[in-house]
Amino acid sequence: MGDHRAEVTKVVSETFMLDPAGVEPDAPLEELGIDSKGRIKLLAALEVYFRVTIDLDQLDRFTDVGSVAEVLEEALAGATGGSDERL
């Protein structure tokens, strides 16, 4: 499993119009101005950017960029490791 923090930082920066240099991997999303509705927007942006499905139940784990990257890595691993409907 790879480290997707840089890609998540890019998506966060683009989605919420933030300077990527100011998006620290361990900074709480709330400090970046991302509230509960913003986390839903981030989840949708990640799904589009990475062409993956992330269960809404995972939103509680969206606390900082690092944790979002972990959820994304799990979703990507599930998309390639399990039964893939696109095959």
Protein backbone atom coordinates (compact mmCIF):
# COMPACT_ATOMS: atom_id res chain seq x y z
CA MET A 1 0.00 0.00 0.00
CA GLY A 2 1.38 3.40 -0.96
CA ASP A 3 1.36 6.68 0.86
CA HIS A 4 -1.30 8.91 -0.66
CA ARG A 5 -0.86 11.94 1.59
CA ALA A 6 0.56 14.09 -1.22
CA GLU A 7 -2.37 13.25 -3.50
CA VAL A 8 -4.88 13.87 -0.69
CA THR A 9 -3.18 17.21 0.03
CA LYS A 10 -3.56 18.11 -3.65
CA VAL A 11 -7.27 17.19 -3.67
CA VAL A 12 -7.88 19.09 -0.40
CA SER A 13 -6.03 22.13 -1.74
CA GLU A 14 -7.89 22.15 -5.05
CA THR A 15 -11.31 21.37 -3.58
CA PHE A 16 -11.16 24.01 -0.85
CA MET A 17 -8.87 26.52 -2.63
CA LEU A 18 -6.10 26.27 -0.04
CA ASP A 19 -2.36 26.75 -0.39
CA PRO A 20 -0.86 23.22 -0.48
CA ALA A 21 2.09 24.46 1.60
CA GLY A 22 -0.32 25.24 4.44
CA VAL A 23 -1.96 21.81 4.46
CA GLU A 24 -0.06 19.76 7.04
CA PRO A 25 -0.71 15.98 7.12
CA ASP A 26 -1.51 15.99 10.85
CA ALA A 27 -3.47 19.26 11.01
CA PRO A 28 -7.12 18.69 11.93
CA LEU A 29 -9.44 19.27 8.97
CA GLU A 30 -11.41 21.74 11.11
CA GLU A 31 -8.30 23.94 11.32
CA LEU A 32 -8.33 24.02 7.51
CA GLY A 33 -11.95 25.19 7.56
CA ILE A 34 -13.37 21.78 6.57
CA ASP A 35 -16.49 20.99 8.58
CA SER A 36 -18.83 17.98 8.35
CA LYS A 37 -20.30 19.17 5.04
CA GLY A 38 -16.79 19.79 3.79
CA ARG A 39 -15.82 16.21 4.64
CA ILE A 40 -18.68 14.99 2.45
CA LYS A 41 -17.43 17.26 -0.33
CA LEU A 42 -13.91 15.88 0.17
CA LEU A 43 -15.15 12.29 0.04
CA ALA A 44 -16.94 13.01 -3.25
CA ALA A 45 -13.85 14.74 -4.68
CA LEU A 46 -11.66 11.75 -3.75
CA GLU A 47 -14.12 9.35 -5.35
CA VAL A 48 -14.04 11.31 -8.60
CA TYR A 49 -10.28 11.92 -8.60
CA PHE A 50 -9.33 8.31 -7.80
CA ARG A 51 -12.36 6.58 -9.39
CA VAL A 52 -13.04 4.68 -6.19
CA THR A 53 -16.02 4.29 -3.87
CA ILE A 54 -15.60 5.26 -0.23
CA ASP A 55 -18.33 4.24 2.20
CA LEU A 56 -20.00 7.19 3.97
CA ASP A 57 -19.41 5.37 7.25
CA GLN A 58 -15.73 6.25 6.83
CA LEU A 59 -16.40 9.99 7.24
CA ASP A 60 -15.85 9.71 10.99
CA ARG A 61 -12.25 8.76 10.22
CA PHE A 62 -11.70 11.96 8.18
CA THR A 63 -9.91 13.87 10.94
CA ASP A 64 -6.72 15.00 9.16
CA VAL A 65 -4.97 14.49 5.80
CA GLY A 66 -3.10 11.45 7.11
CA SER A 67 -6.27 9.67 8.22
CA VAL A 68 -8.01 10.55 4.94
CA ALA A 69 -5.04 9.03 3.09
CA GLU A 70 -5.43 5.83 5.15
CA VAL A 71 -9.12 5.56 4.26
CA LEU A 72 -8.28 6.19 0.61
CA GLU A 73 -5.55 3.53 0.64
CA GLU A 74 -8.00 1.00 2.08
CA ALA A 75 -10.60 1.88 -0.56
CA LEU A 76 -8.04 1.57 -3.35
CA ALA A 77 -6.81 -1.76 -2.00
CA GLY A 78 -10.40 -3.01 -1.85
CA ALA A 79 -11.02 -1.88 -5.42
CA THR A 80 -8.03 -3.82 -6.74
CA GLY A 81 -7.87 -6.70 -4.29
CA GLY A 82 -11.48 -7.85 -4.20
CA SER A 83 -14.02 -8.66 -6.84
CA ASP A 84 -13.96 -5.77 -9.28
CA GLU A 85 -17.21 -5.14 -11.13
CA ARG A 86 -15.33 -3.35 -13.94
CA LEU A 87 -13.54 -6.56 -14.98
